[in-house]
Amino acid sequence: MKTDFDMVIIGGGSAGLTAAGISASLGAKTALIEERRLGGDCTWTGCVPSKALLKAAAVAHNVQTAERFGIAVSGPQVNFRKIMERLHQIQDHIYREADAPPVYEKLGIEVIEQRAQFINPNHVEIVFPNGRKRAITSRFFIIATGARPVTPPIDGLAETPYLTSETIFSISQLPARMMVIGAGPVGIEMAQAFRRLGSEVSVLESEKQVLRRDDIELAEILRQQLTHEGVRFLLGCAVEKVEYNNGTFRITFRSDTSGIAETIEGDALLIATGRRPNIDGLNLEAAGVRTGRGGVTVDSHCRTSAKNIFACGDVTGLYQFTHMSEHMAKVAVTTALLRFPMSIDKSSVPWCTFTDPELAHVGASESELKSQGRRYDVYRFPFAKIDRAVTDSETIGLVKVLARKFDGRIYGASILGARAGEMISEFALAMRNKVTLRNMADTIHAYPTFALGNRRAADQWYVRKQSRTLVRLLQLIFGYRGQLPDTSNPDRIV
């Protein structure tokens, strides 16, 4: 069958842009269809604007706490409007440099900024605002339409002007009192950012811990730090009702401990309770593409139930990370165009919540290892013992590694602390390439760096191997006269 294109990608976010670029580089005639602006959530409503806001908040916090470095500073004087102007300038810069249609058109990709729907597995229809339609056929398709914030079924919420990750970066005035429903990564990052910029912030969460996908111990340390900064947490509570009147939000909630209905008021309300896939209007049934609760159903090669149609990124519901969207795009394109069955790497997926301190993770958690019946040891090293962290007054947090005692094979790692998002990649690389704690401990790391904390955590594997009996034997053989090591505490940190 002769088709218009070899590959058509529907969706121009991180997954779609990556897929289009790889497809074109492999010599395939490629089209990229996006209903709105290219760039997707990462550029417009996610990674880029949130990190720009967090940076501004960090600068304000550094001014507020400058005395700890022996520097007297007045202020800060927060100009929220200018902060948001800078944020939008960064977005526009990244769009022009990496996301705009001309960038991809230079690669020979046809960019179509309209809505598309399937007619059959090899045929989509472009629908223009004036009602005109254009038929496009292709040998392969990749669905990369992303996801959007989900709104919980709370009484009265739909009648209020609440914010989500799609709208919060459009505000121009700093709220005096910000309320956040949801204590996942988006909720926690924005809670800290707005608190540091001057808002009173309250976070309501039905779970009894924040960041429930992360290590319980480290997530709790982070919560305590944010509480110290002034963020109020209302955990284990069910939000029953939201009201809005004369610029004021009122939330009625009930704690699962007291069972008593309480209220809290604020000037802005952010809903950060998860996301759902953008599959409406694609007419996937006509293409034979099955969907599930999480989104478009795919196998380990990103192939859908239609053999020539693939899906990657947030629309699959598997991972809500930009880096995994890009990874899945590589898997999908490689499998489709090269007929090489590349598989999704599910074992060493890193993620990070970019609070201060950052909280990052890769691999299995303790609960997962316990449910699998897998034996492991926990190796720790606190940031308070990392010299660079001490010099920078960034001593909150620790490196925590789950590994096999026998040979130091790494099952998972969590890091709470400054630069955790950078540090976790070393563990991801180690796990993917079967590098053990012994290998990491024997690898020279630059001093003084935060990453040296990874090696010091790995050193603890050697520490656990230390034996008084062996040392005593060495003393007898060589005549050494030093003190025998105290190995009575298996959790000692050296």
Protein backbone atom coordinates (compact mmCIF):
# COMPACT_ATOMS: atom_id res chain seq x y z
CA MET A 1 0.00 0.00 0.00
CA LYS A 2 1.41 3.38 -1.02
CA THR A 3 1.06 5.96 1.75
CA ASP A 4 1.62 9.69 2.14
CA PHE A 5 4.17 9.20 4.93
CA ASP A 6 6.32 6.51 6.47
CA MET A 7 5.69 7.79 9.98
CA VAL A 8 3.07 10.12 11.45
CA ILE A 9 3.35 11.27 15.06
CA ILE A 10 0.26 12.65 16.76
CA GLY A 11 1.25 14.93 19.62
CA GLY A 12 4.08 17.46 19.83
CA GLY A 13 5.25 17.20 23.41
CA SER A 14 8.47 15.60 24.66
CA ALA A 15 7.58 12.15 23.33
CA GLY A 16 6.31 13.39 19.98
CA LEU A 17 9.20 15.76 19.32
CA THR A 18 11.75 13.07 20.15
CA ALA A 19 9.96 10.51 18.00
CA ALA A 20 9.78 12.91 15.05
CA GLY A 21 13.45 13.78 15.27
CA ILE A 22 14.57 10.14 15.42
CA SER A 23 12.19 9.13 12.64
CA ALA A 24 13.52 11.81 10.30
CA SER A 25 17.13 10.93 11.16
CA LEU A 26 16.45 7.35 10.05
CA GLY A 27 15.32 8.54 6.64
CA ALA A 28 11.58 8.13 7.10
CA LYS A 29 9.19 10.63 5.55
CA THR A 30 7.68 12.07 8.70
CA ALA A 31 4.74 14.24 9.74
CA LEU A 32 4.15 15.72 13.17
CA ILE A 33 0.61 16.69 14.12
CA GLU A 34 -0.12 18.87 17.15
CA GLU A 35 -3.42 20.54 17.98
CA ARG A 36 -1.78 23.32 19.98
CA ARG A 37 1.78 24.68 20.20
CA LEU A 38 4.69 22.30 19.97
CA GLY A 39 6.54 21.75 23.22
CA GLY A 40 3.78 20.10 25.22
CA ASP A 41 3.51 20.05 29.00
CA CYS A 42 7.25 20.16 29.61
CA THR A 43 7.72 23.54 27.97
CA TRP A 44 4.40 25.20 28.74
CA THR A 45 2.90 23.74 31.94
CA GLY A 46 5.44 21.42 33.54
CA CYS A 47 9.19 21.07 33.85
CA VAL A 48 10.33 24.38 32.40
CA PRO A 49 7.99 26.85 34.14
CA SER A 50 8.01 24.99 37.44
CA LYS A 51 11.81 24.91 37.61
CA ALA A 52 12.00 28.59 36.65
CA LEU A 53 9.62 29.41 39.50
CA LEU A 54 11.50 27.17 41.93
CA LYS A 55 14.75 28.93 41.02
CA ALA A 56 13.24 32.33 41.78
CA ALA A 57 11.93 30.98 45.07
CA ALA A 58 15.36 29.55 45.92
CA VAL A 59 16.98 32.95 45.30
CA ALA A 60 14.43 34.58 47.62
CA HIS A 61 15.14 31.94 50.25
CA ASN A 62 18.89 32.47 49.95
CA VAL A 63 18.38 36.19 50.57
CA GLN A 64 16.16 35.43 53.56
CA THR A 65 18.76 33.10 55.06
CA ALA A 66 21.94 34.92 53.97
CA GLU A 67 22.96 35.57 57.55
CA ARG A 68 23.95 31.92 57.95
CA PHE A 69 26.83 32.72 55.55
CA GLY A 70 27.77 35.86 57.44
CA ILE A 71 26.09 38.17 54.94
CA ALA A 72 23.58 40.81 56.03
CA VAL A 73 20.93 41.42 53.37
CA SER A 74 17.63 43.25 53.61
CA GLY A 75 14.61 41.88 51.86
CA PRO A 76 13.92 40.18 49.61
CA GLN A 77 11.51 42.42 47.77
CA VAL A 78 9.55 39.94 45.66
CA ASN A 79 8.19 41.31 42.38
CA PHE A 80 5.96 38.43 41.34
CA ARG A 81 5.04 39.99 38.03
CA LYS A 82 8.71 40.18 37.00
CA ILE A 83 9.25 36.62 38.19
CA MET A 84 6.50 35.45 35.87
CA GLU A 85 7.83 37.59 33.02
CA ARG A 86 11.21 35.87 33.37
CA LEU A 87 9.45 32.49 33.44
CA HIS A 88 7.64 33.22 30.18
CA GLN A 89 10.82 34.53 28.56
CA ILE A 90 12.52 31.22 29.38
CA GLN A 91 9.61 29.31 27.88
CA ASP A 92 9.73 31.37 24.69
CA HIS A 93 13.50 30.92 24.41
CA ILE A 94 13.29 27.14 24.74
CA TYR A 95 10.39 27.05 22.29
CA ARG A 96 12.28 29.04 19.66
CA GLU A 97 15.51 27.07 20.11
CA ALA A 98 14.14 23.53 20.40
CA ASP A 99 10.38 23.22 19.87
CA ALA A 100 9.18 25.62 17.16
CA PRO A 101 8.04 24.20 13.79
CA PRO A 102 11.03 25.58 11.80
CA VAL A 103 13.37 23.48 13.94
CA TYR A 104 11.66 20.32 12.72
CA GLU A 105 10.88 21.50 9.24
CA LYS A 106 14.62 21.86 8.66
CA LEU A 107 14.81 18.10 9.26
CA GLY A 108 12.29 17.49 6.49
CA ILE A 109 9.39 16.94 8.88
CA GLU A 110 5.99 18.31 7.92
CA VAL A 111 4.49 20.03 10.95
CA ILE A 112 0.70 20.23 11.01
CA GLU A 113 -0.76 22.31 13.83
CA GLN A 114 -4.29 20.95 13.80
CA ARG A 115 -6.40 18.22 15.36
CA ALA A 116 -6.30 14.65 14.03
CA GLN A 117 -8.53 11.60 14.36
CA PHE A 118 -8.20 8.05 13.10
CA ILE A 119 -10.36 6.73 10.28
CA ASN A 120 -8.64 3.33 10.19
CA PRO A 121 -5.21 1.93 11.21
CA ASN A 122 -3.46 3.57 8.23
CA HIS A 123 -5.51 6.71 7.84
CA VAL A 124 -6.05 9.85 9.90
CA GLU A 125 -8.10 12.91 9.15
CA ILE A 126 -6.98 16.47 9.91
CA VAL A 127 -9.84 18.71 10.95
CA PHE A 128 -9.35 22.45 10.37
CA PRO A 129 -11.25 25.17 12.30
CA ASN A 130 -13.23 26.13 9.19
CA GLY A 131 -14.45 22.58 8.83
CA ARG A 132 -12.11 21.61 6.00
CA LYS A 133 -10.60 18.15 6.28
CA ARG A 134 -7.40 16.57 5.01
CA ALA A 135 -6.80 12.84 4.73
CA ILE A 136 -3.32 11.50 5.58
CA THR A 137 -2.11 7.92 5.26
CA SER A 138 1.02 6.42 6.79
CA ARG A 139 2.73 3.08 7.26
CA PHE A 140 3.26 3.74 10.96
CA PHE A 141 1.73 6.00 13.59
CA ILE A 142 2.87 7.03 17.04
CA ILE A 143 0.34 8.38 19.53
CA ALA A 144 2.03 10.87 21.85
CA THR A 145 -0.79 13.16 22.92
CA GLY A 146 0.24 13.35 26.56
CA ALA A 147 -2.01 13.87 29.56
CA ARG A 148 -3.79 16.65 31.42
CA PRO A 149 -4.63 17.37 35.08
CA VAL A 150 -7.47 15.34 36.53
CA THR A 151 -10.06 17.05 38.72
CA PRO A 152 -11.30 15.10 41.75
CA PRO A 153 -15.07 14.79 42.32
CA ILE A 154 -15.33 17.34 45.13
CA ASP A 155 -18.67 19.02 45.79
CA GLY A 156 -18.64 22.59 44.47
CA LEU A 157 -15.18 22.46 42.91
CA ALA A 158 -16.40 22.76 39.32
CA GLU A 159 -18.04 26.10 40.16
CA THR A 160 -14.80 27.66 41.42
CA PRO A 161 -11.86 29.28 39.55
CA TYR A 162 -9.32 26.75 40.82
CA LEU A 163 -5.82 26.42 39.36
CA THR A 164 -4.03 23.40 37.89
CA SER A 165 -0.56 22.90 36.46
CA GLU A 166 -2.01 24.16 33.17
CA THR A 167 -3.09 27.52 34.57
CA ILE A 168 -0.93 28.32 37.60
CA PHE A 169 1.87 29.75 35.47
CA SER A 170 -0.55 32.25 33.94
CA ILE A 171 -1.27 34.14 37.15
CA SER A 172 0.36 37.54 37.61
CA GLN A 173 -0.33 38.25 41.28
CA LEU A 174 1.14 36.37 44.24
CA PRO A 175 -1.66 34.88 46.38
CA ALA A 176 -1.52 35.84 50.03
CA ARG A 177 -2.93 32.43 51.00
CA MET A 178 -2.39 29.45 48.70
CA MET A 179 -4.16 26.14 49.28
CA VAL A 180 -3.01 22.96 47.54
CA ILE A 181 -5.00 19.75 47.25
CA GLY A 182 -2.56 16.92 46.59
CA ALA A 183 0.88 16.17 48.04
CA GLY A 184 2.51 14.61 44.99
CA PRO A 185 5.49 16.15 43.16
CA VAL A 186 3.51 19.05 41.62
CA GLY A 187 1.77 19.95 44.87
CA ILE A 188 4.92 19.75 46.98
CA GLU A 189 7.09 21.73 44.55
CA MET A 190 4.54 24.51 44.20
CA ALA A 191 3.87 24.57 47.94
CA GLN A 192 7.53 25.29 48.67
CA ALA A 193 7.90 27.76 45.81
CA PHE A 194 4.93 29.91 46.82
CA ARG A 195 5.83 29.73 50.51
CA ARG A 196 9.35 30.99 49.81
CA LEU A 197 7.97 33.80 47.67
CA GLY A 198 5.76 34.95 50.53
CA SER A 199 2.43 33.11 50.39
CA GLU A 200 0.91 31.31 53.34
CA VAL A 201 0.56 27.74 52.09
CA SER A 202 -1.59 24.82 53.23
CA VAL A 203 -1.42 21.34 51.65
CA LEU A 204 -4.32 18.91 51.99
CA GLU A 205 -3.73 15.22 51.22
CA SER A 206 -5.86 12.11 51.74
CA GLU A 207 -2.78 9.93 52.34
CA LYS A 208 -0.87 10.12 55.61
CA GLN A 209 2.43 10.87 53.89
CA VAL A 210 3.62 13.16 51.13
CA LEU A 211 5.14 11.80 47.91
CA ARG A 212 3.77 8.30 48.51
CA ARG A 213 5.81 6.79 45.66
CA ASP A 214 9.06 7.79 47.33
CA ASP A 215 10.94 6.36 50.26
CA ILE A 216 8.80 6.85 53.37
CA GLU A 217 11.70 7.85 55.61
CA LEU A 218 13.13 10.43 53.24
CA ALA A 219 9.73 11.83 52.27
CA GLU A 220 9.02 12.44 55.94
CA ILE A 221 12.32 14.29 56.42
CA LEU A 222 11.41 16.48 53.45
CA ARG A 223 7.95 17.15 54.89
CA GLN A 224 9.52 18.21 58.18
CA GLN A 225 11.83 20.62 56.34
CA LEU A 226 8.93 22.19 54.45
CA THR A 227 6.99 22.44 57.71
CA HIS A 228 10.00 24.24 59.22
CA GLU A 229 9.81 26.71 56.32
CA GLY A 230 6.16 27.39 57.14
CA VAL A 231 4.15 25.06 54.89
CA ARG A 232 1.13 23.68 56.73
CA PHE A 233 0.28 20.04 56.02
CA LEU A 234 -3.15 18.53 56.59
CA LEU A 235 -2.56 14.84 55.94
CA GLY A 236 -5.00 11.96 56.14
CA CYS A 237 -7.98 14.20 55.43
CA ALA A 238 -10.85 13.95 52.98
CA VAL A 239 -11.91 17.15 51.20
CA GLU A 240 -15.70 17.21 51.16
CA LYS A 241 -16.60 20.60 49.75
CA VAL A 242 -15.13 23.67 48.05
CA GLU A 243 -16.86 27.07 48.04
CA TYR A 244 -15.86 30.37 46.43
CA ASN A 245 -17.19 33.80 47.33
CA ASN A 246 -15.82 37.32 46.80
CA GLY A 247 -12.32 36.10 45.95
CA THR A 248 -12.08 33.67 48.86
CA PHE A 249 -11.99 29.87 48.71
CA ARG A 250 -13.33 27.83 51.58
CA ILE A 251 -12.51 24.13 51.87
CA THR A 252 -14.43 21.80 54.16
CA PHE A 253 -12.47 18.67 55.05
CA ARG A 254 -12.64 15.85 57.55
CA SER A 255 -9.61 14.28 59.23
CA ASP A 256 -9.59 10.49 59.36
CA THR A 257 -8.32 10.66 62.94
CA SER A 258 -10.75 13.10 64.57
CA GLY A 259 -13.64 12.64 62.13
CA ILE A 260 -14.61 16.26 62.75
CA ALA A 261 -15.48 18.54 59.83
CA GLU A 262 -13.16 21.56 59.64
CA THR A 263 -12.74 24.49 57.26
CA ILE A 264 -9.80 26.41 55.86
CA GLU A 265 -9.78 29.54 53.70
CA GLY A 266 -7.43 30.93 51.07
CA ASP A 267 -7.10 33.26 48.10
CA ALA A 268 -6.01 30.64 45.55
CA LEU A 269 -6.55 26.91 45.16
CA LEU A 270 -4.24 24.58 43.26
CA ILE A 271 -5.52 21.13 42.34
CA ALA A 272 -2.60 18.70 42.04
CA THR A 273 -4.25 15.28 42.24
CA GLY A 274 -2.83 13.51 39.21
CA ARG A 275 -3.29 13.37 35.45
CA ARG A 276 -5.26 11.47 32.85
CA PRO A 277 -4.38 10.65 29.22
CA ASN A 278 -5.44 12.81 26.28
CA ILE A 279 -7.29 10.27 24.15
CA ASP A 280 -10.61 12.04 23.59
CA GLY A 281 -11.36 12.81 19.97
CA LEU A 282 -8.71 10.49 18.51
CA ASN A 283 -11.32 7.90 17.47
CA LEU A 284 -9.00 5.11 18.55
CA GLU A 285 -11.73 2.51 18.16
CA ALA A 286 -11.66 3.00 14.40
CA ALA A 287 -7.95 2.18 14.41
CA GLY A 288 -8.35 -0.88 16.63
CA VAL A 289 -6.32 0.67 19.44
CA ARG A 290 -7.28 -0.59 22.88
CA THR A 291 -7.21 1.62 25.96
CA GLY A 292 -7.30 0.88 29.68
CA ARG A 293 -7.64 2.79 32.92
CA GLY A 294 -4.21 4.34 32.52
CA GLY A 295 -4.47 5.27 28.85
CA VAL A 296 -3.42 3.66 25.58
CA THR A 297 -2.42 0.05 26.21
CA VAL A 298 1.06 -0.86 24.93
CA ASP A 299 3.42 -3.80 25.19
CA SER A 300 7.07 -3.61 26.26
CA HIS A 301 7.97 -2.31 22.78
CA CYS A 302 5.40 0.54 22.90
CA ARG A 303 3.23 -1.24 20.32
CA THR A 304 -0.54 -0.92 20.67
CA SER A 305 -3.16 -3.54 19.77
CA ALA A 306 -2.86 -2.27 16.17
CA LYS A 307 0.43 -3.64 14.89
CA ASN A 308 1.45 -0.50 12.96
CA ILE A 309 0.45 1.97 15.69
CA PHE A 310 2.65 2.74 18.69
CA ALA A 311 2.19 4.98 21.71
CA CYS A 312 4.65 6.59 24.09
CA GLY A 313 4.81 9.08 26.91
CA ASP A 314 2.10 10.19 29.31
CA VAL A 315 -0.75 8.99 27.07
CA THR A 316 0.14 5.41 28.03
CA GLY A 317 -0.20 6.15 31.74
CA LEU A 318 2.98 4.18 32.47
CA TYR A 319 5.30 6.99 33.51
CA GLN A 320 4.72 10.70 33.98
CA PHE A 321 8.31 11.78 33.35
CA THR A 322 9.74 13.73 30.42
CA HIS A 323 12.84 11.53 30.35
CA MET A 324 10.68 8.41 30.10
CA SER A 325 8.64 10.00 27.32
CA GLU A 326 11.85 10.48 25.39
CA HIS A 327 13.03 6.94 26.17
CA MET A 328 9.71 5.43 25.08
CA ALA A 329 9.82 7.48 21.88
CA LYS A 330 13.19 5.94 21.06
CA VAL A 331 11.79 2.48 21.77
CA ALA A 332 8.73 3.06 19.58
CA VAL A 333 10.58 4.50 16.58
CA THR A 334 13.36 1.93 16.70
CA THR A 335 10.91 -0.95 16.89
CA ALA A 336 8.74 0.41 14.09
CA LEU A 337 11.29 1.63 11.54
CA LEU A 338 14.24 -0.67 12.15
CA ARG A 339 12.12 -3.73 12.99
CA PHE A 340 14.37 -4.06 16.01
CA PRO A 341 12.33 -4.98 19.11
CA MET A 342 13.84 -2.52 21.58
CA SER A 343 12.15 -2.74 24.99
CA ILE A 344 11.24 -0.20 27.66
CA ASP A 345 13.78 -0.12 30.48
CA LYS A 346 11.54 -0.50 33.52
CA SER A 347 14.19 -1.51 36.05
CA SER A 348 16.27 1.65 36.29
CA VAL A 349 13.86 4.56 35.89
CA PRO A 350 15.04 7.59 37.89
CA TRP A 351 12.78 10.35 39.07
CA CYS A 352 13.18 13.48 41.14
CA THR A 353 11.02 15.97 42.99
CA PHE A 354 12.81 19.30 42.67
CA THR A 355 12.14 20.71 46.09
CA ASP A 356 14.96 22.00 48.29
CA PRO A 357 16.33 19.55 49.29
CA GLU A 358 15.61 17.41 46.22
CA LEU A 359 14.22 13.90 46.57
CA ALA A 360 15.26 11.38 43.93
CA HIS A 361 14.80 7.65 43.46
CA VAL A 362 15.67 4.79 41.11
CA GLY A 363 14.88 1.08 41.17
CA ALA A 364 12.96 -0.92 43.74
CA SER A 365 11.64 0.35 47.06
CA GLU A 366 11.86 -1.48 50.38
CA SER A 367 8.19 -2.45 50.23
CA GLU A 368 8.65 -3.86 46.72
CA LEU A 369 11.67 -5.92 47.76
CA LYS A 370 9.83 -7.24 50.80
CA SER A 371 6.79 -8.23 48.72
CA GLN A 372 9.14 -10.08 46.36
CA GLY A 373 10.74 -11.90 49.28
CA ARG A 374 14.13 -10.54 48.26
CA ARG A 375 16.80 -10.15 50.94
CA TYR A 376 18.71 -6.89 50.99
CA ASP A 377 20.76 -4.61 53.20
CA VAL A 378 20.35 -0.84 53.58
CA TYR A 379 23.47 1.28 53.13
CA ARG A 380 23.30 4.93 54.20
CA PHE A 381 25.45 7.99 54.17
CA PRO A 382 24.20 11.33 55.57
CA PHE A 383 24.73 14.64 53.81
CA ALA A 384 26.01 15.96 57.14
CA LYS A 385 29.16 13.89 56.52
CA ILE A 386 29.65 15.02 52.89
CA ASP A 387 32.27 17.78 53.07
CA ARG A 388 30.83 19.71 50.12
CA ALA A 389 27.41 19.68 51.74
CA VAL A 390 28.96 21.01 54.93
CA THR A 391 30.81 23.84 53.15
CA ASP A 392 27.60 24.80 51.34
CA SER A 393 25.38 24.46 54.45
CA GLU A 394 23.29 21.84 52.62
CA THR A 395 23.48 19.11 55.24
CA ILE A 396 19.84 17.96 55.28
CA GLY A 397 19.31 14.52 53.79
CA LEU A 398 21.06 11.25 53.07
CA VAL A 399 21.97 8.70 50.42
CA LYS A 400 20.11 5.42 50.96
CA VAL A 401 20.93 2.33 48.90
CA LEU A 402 19.22 -1.06 48.87
CA ALA A 403 21.63 -3.76 47.79
CA ARG A 404 22.50 -7.43 48.09
CA LYS A 405 24.86 -8.10 50.98
CA PHE A 406 26.92 -10.76 49.23
CA ASP A 407 28.21 -8.80 46.25
CA GLY A 408 26.72 -5.32 46.55
CA ARG A 409 24.32 -5.66 43.64
CA ILE A 410 22.12 -2.56 43.69
CA TYR A 411 18.35 -3.04 43.79
CA GLY A 412 17.35 0.59 44.36
CA ALA A 413 18.52 3.93 45.68
CA SER A 414 16.94 7.06 47.14
CA ILE A 415 18.65 10.37 47.75
CA LEU A 416 17.34 13.33 49.72
CA GLY A 417 19.55 16.36 49.52
CA ALA A 418 21.06 19.09 47.37
CA ARG A 419 21.82 17.90 43.80
CA ALA A 420 19.95 14.64 44.40
CA GLY A 421 18.53 14.78 40.88
CA GLU A 422 22.07 14.87 39.49
CA MET A 423 23.43 12.25 41.87
CA ILE A 424 20.73 9.64 41.22
CA SER A 425 21.84 9.20 37.62
CA GLU A 426 25.02 7.47 38.78
CA PHE A 427 22.92 4.80 40.46
CA ALA A 428 20.70 4.50 37.36
CA LEU A 429 23.82 3.94 35.24
CA ALA A 430 25.18 1.46 37.77
CA MET A 431 21.97 -0.56 37.88
CA ARG A 432 21.57 -0.70 34.11
CA ASN A 433 25.15 -1.89 33.68
CA LYS A 434 25.26 -4.19 36.73
CA VAL A 435 27.85 -2.05 38.51
CA THR A 436 27.97 -3.06 42.18
CA LEU A 437 28.57 -1.06 45.34
CA ARG A 438 32.04 -2.55 45.40
CA ASN A 439 32.71 -1.17 41.91
CA MET A 440 31.37 2.26 42.92
CA ALA A 441 33.44 2.27 46.11
CA ASP A 442 36.58 1.47 44.10
CA THR A 443 35.88 4.29 41.61
CA ILE A 444 37.64 7.61 42.20
CA HIS A 445 35.19 10.48 42.69
CA ALA A 446 36.23 14.13 42.60
CA TYR A 447 36.59 15.91 45.95
CA PRO A 448 34.84 17.93 47.21
CA THR A 449 31.60 17.15 45.41
CA PHE A 450 28.09 16.12 46.37
CA ALA A 451 28.48 13.02 44.17
CA LEU A 452 31.21 11.84 46.50
CA GLY A 453 28.32 10.99 48.81
CA ASN A 454 27.40 8.19 46.40
CA ARG A 455 30.85 6.67 46.78
CA ARG A 456 30.77 7.10 50.55
CA ALA A 457 27.44 5.27 50.65
CA ALA A 458 29.02 2.50 48.58
CA ASP A 459 31.95 2.44 51.00
CA GLN A 460 29.56 1.24 53.67
CA TRP A 461 29.35 -2.10 51.83
CA TYR A 462 33.03 -2.59 52.63
CA VAL A 463 32.43 -1.45 56.19
CA ARG A 464 29.80 -4.15 56.66
CA LYS A 465 32.27 -6.71 55.34
CA GLN A 466 34.75 -5.82 58.05
CA SER A 467 35.41 -8.63 60.55
CA ARG A 468 37.15 -8.47 63.93
CA THR A 469 38.23 -12.05 63.42
CA LEU A 470 39.91 -11.25 60.12
CA VAL A 471 41.63 -8.17 61.54
CA ARG A 472 42.84 -10.18 64.53
CA LEU A 473 44.25 -12.80 62.15
CA LEU A 474 46.11 -10.08 60.24
CA GLN A 475 47.56 -8.83 63.53
CA LEU A 476 48.79 -12.30 64.41
CA ILE A 477 50.34 -12.85 60.97
CA PHE A 478 52.00 -9.45 60.53
CA GLY A 479 52.46 -8.39 64.12
CA TYR A 480 50.20 -5.35 63.88
CA ARG A 481 49.28 -3.73 67.22
CA GLY A 482 46.34 -1.44 66.46
CA GLN A 483 42.92 -1.35 68.06
CA LEU A 484 40.39 -3.90 66.82
CA PRO A 485 37.41 -2.32 64.98
CA ASP A 486 34.11 -2.10 66.85
CA THR A 487 31.66 -4.03 64.68
CA SER A 488 28.96 -4.34 67.35
CA ASN A 489 26.67 -1.88 65.56
CA PRO A 490 25.79 -3.17 62.06
CA ASP A 491 24.36 0.26 61.12
CA ARG A 492 27.49 2.23 61.95
CA ILE A 493 28.59 4.75 59.33
CA VAL A 494 32.27 5.20 58.60
